[in-house]
């Protein structure tokens, strides 16, 4: 298994945890109930980064 696939799996697990916890990090913490647009955009960004690891 390539290291990029391992990284992609780790990032997907991180996204799953962020969905469960209701907060996501970029340069600061965003909460689902306080800033929903930023939260969902960042979740989408992290999912895209994770999926791109499988196509590297």
C-alpha atoms as a PDB file:
ATOM      1  CA  UNK A   1       0.000   0.000   0.000  1.00  0.00           C
ATOM      2  CA  UNK A   2       1.389   3.396  -0.983  1.00  0.00           C
ATOM      3  CA  UNK A   3       1.984   6.043   1.657  1.00  0.00           C
ATOM      4  CA  UNK A   4      -0.480   8.334  -0.100  1.00  0.00           C
ATOM      5  CA  UNK A   5      -3.244   5.757   0.357  1.00  0.00           C
ATOM      6  CA  UNK A   6      -2.420   5.531   4.055  1.00  0.00           C
ATOM      7  CA  UNK A   7      -2.549   9.324   4.257  1.00  0.00           C
ATOM      8  CA  UNK A   8      -5.916   9.339   2.460  1.00  0.00           C
ATOM      9  CA  UNK A   9      -7.347   6.792   4.897  1.00  0.00           C
ATOM     10  CA  UNK A  10      -6.030   8.804   7.854  1.00  0.00           C
ATOM     11  CA  UNK A  11      -7.586  11.996   6.484  1.00  0.00           C
ATOM     12  CA  UNK A  12     -10.926  10.267   5.907  1.00  0.00           C
ATOM     13  CA  UNK A  13     -10.866   9.026   9.505  1.00  0.00           C
ATOM     14  CA  UNK A  14     -10.110  12.578  10.603  1.00  0.00           C
ATOM     15  CA  UNK A  15     -13.087  13.867   8.592  1.00  0.00           C
ATOM     16  CA  UNK A  16     -15.293  11.187  10.154  1.00  0.00           C
ATOM     17  CA  UNK A  17     -14.194  12.329  13.607  1.00  0.00           C
ATOM     18  CA  UNK A  18     -14.853  15.968  12.687  1.00  0.00           C
ATOM     19  CA  UNK A  19     -18.373  15.040  11.555  1.00  0.00           C
ATOM     20  CA  UNK A  20     -18.951  13.252  14.852  1.00  0.00           C
ATOM     21  CA  UNK A  21     -17.428  16.015  17.011  1.00  0.00           C
ATOM     22  CA  UNK A  22     -19.056  18.926  15.180  1.00  0.00           C
ATOM     23  CA  UNK A  23     -15.866  20.930  14.739  1.00  0.00           C
ATOM     24  CA  UNK A  24     -13.178  21.162  12.092  1.00  0.00           C
ATOM     25  CA  UNK A  25      -9.733  22.768  12.036  1.00  0.00           C
ATOM     26  CA  UNK A  26      -7.945  24.831   9.430  1.00  0.00           C
ATOM     27  CA  UNK A  27      -6.067  27.720  11.008  1.00  0.00           C
ATOM     28  CA  UNK A  28      -8.624  27.843  13.835  1.00  0.00           C
ATOM     29  CA  UNK A  29     -11.497  25.695  15.016  1.00  0.00           C
ATOM     30  CA  UNK A  30     -14.863  26.032  13.276  1.00  0.00           C
ATOM     31  CA  UNK A  31     -18.001  24.716  14.973  1.00  0.00           C
ATOM     32  CA  UNK A  32     -20.998  23.284  13.114  1.00  0.00           C
ATOM     33  CA  UNK A  33     -23.546  25.120  15.252  1.00  0.00           C
ATOM     34  CA  UNK A  34     -21.759  28.516  15.305  1.00  0.00           C
ATOM     35  CA  UNK A  35     -20.463  28.815  11.728  1.00  0.00           C
ATOM     36  CA  UNK A  36     -22.216  26.181   9.592  1.00  0.00           C
ATOM     37  CA  UNK A  37     -21.157  27.479   6.152  1.00  0.00           C
ATOM     38  CA  UNK A  38     -17.476  27.509   7.008  1.00  0.00           C
ATOM     39  CA  UNK A  39     -17.778  24.140   8.740  1.00  0.00           C
ATOM     40  CA  UNK A  40     -19.337  22.377   5.744  1.00  0.00           C
ATOM     41  CA  UNK A  41     -17.014  24.042   3.225  1.00  0.00           C
ATOM     42  CA  UNK A  42     -13.981  22.917   5.232  1.00  0.00           C
ATOM     43  CA  UNK A  43     -15.392  19.390   5.576  1.00  0.00           C
ATOM     44  CA  UNK A  44     -15.756  19.320   1.791  1.00  0.00           C
ATOM     45  CA  UNK A  45     -12.204  20.602   1.331  1.00  0.00           C
ATOM     46  CA  UNK A  46     -10.782  17.926   3.667  1.00  0.00           C
ATOM     47  CA  UNK A  47     -12.780  15.222   1.857  1.00  0.00           C
ATOM     48  CA  UNK A  48     -11.417  16.409  -1.495  1.00  0.00           C
ATOM     49  CA  UNK A  49      -7.864  16.419  -0.139  1.00  0.00           C
ATOM     50  CA  UNK A  50      -8.330  12.914   1.290  1.00  0.00           C
ATOM     51  CA  UNK A  51      -9.795  11.523  -1.941  1.00  0.00           C
ATOM     52  CA  UNK A  52      -7.041  13.147  -4.007  1.00  0.00           C
ATOM     53  CA  UNK A  53      -4.504  11.102  -2.043  1.00  0.00           C
ATOM     54  CA  UNK A  54      -5.832   7.953  -3.724  1.00  0.00           C
ATOM     55  CA  UNK A  55      -5.209   9.397  -7.202  1.00  0.00           C
ATOM     56  CA  UNK A  56      -1.696  10.700  -6.662  1.00  0.00           C
END
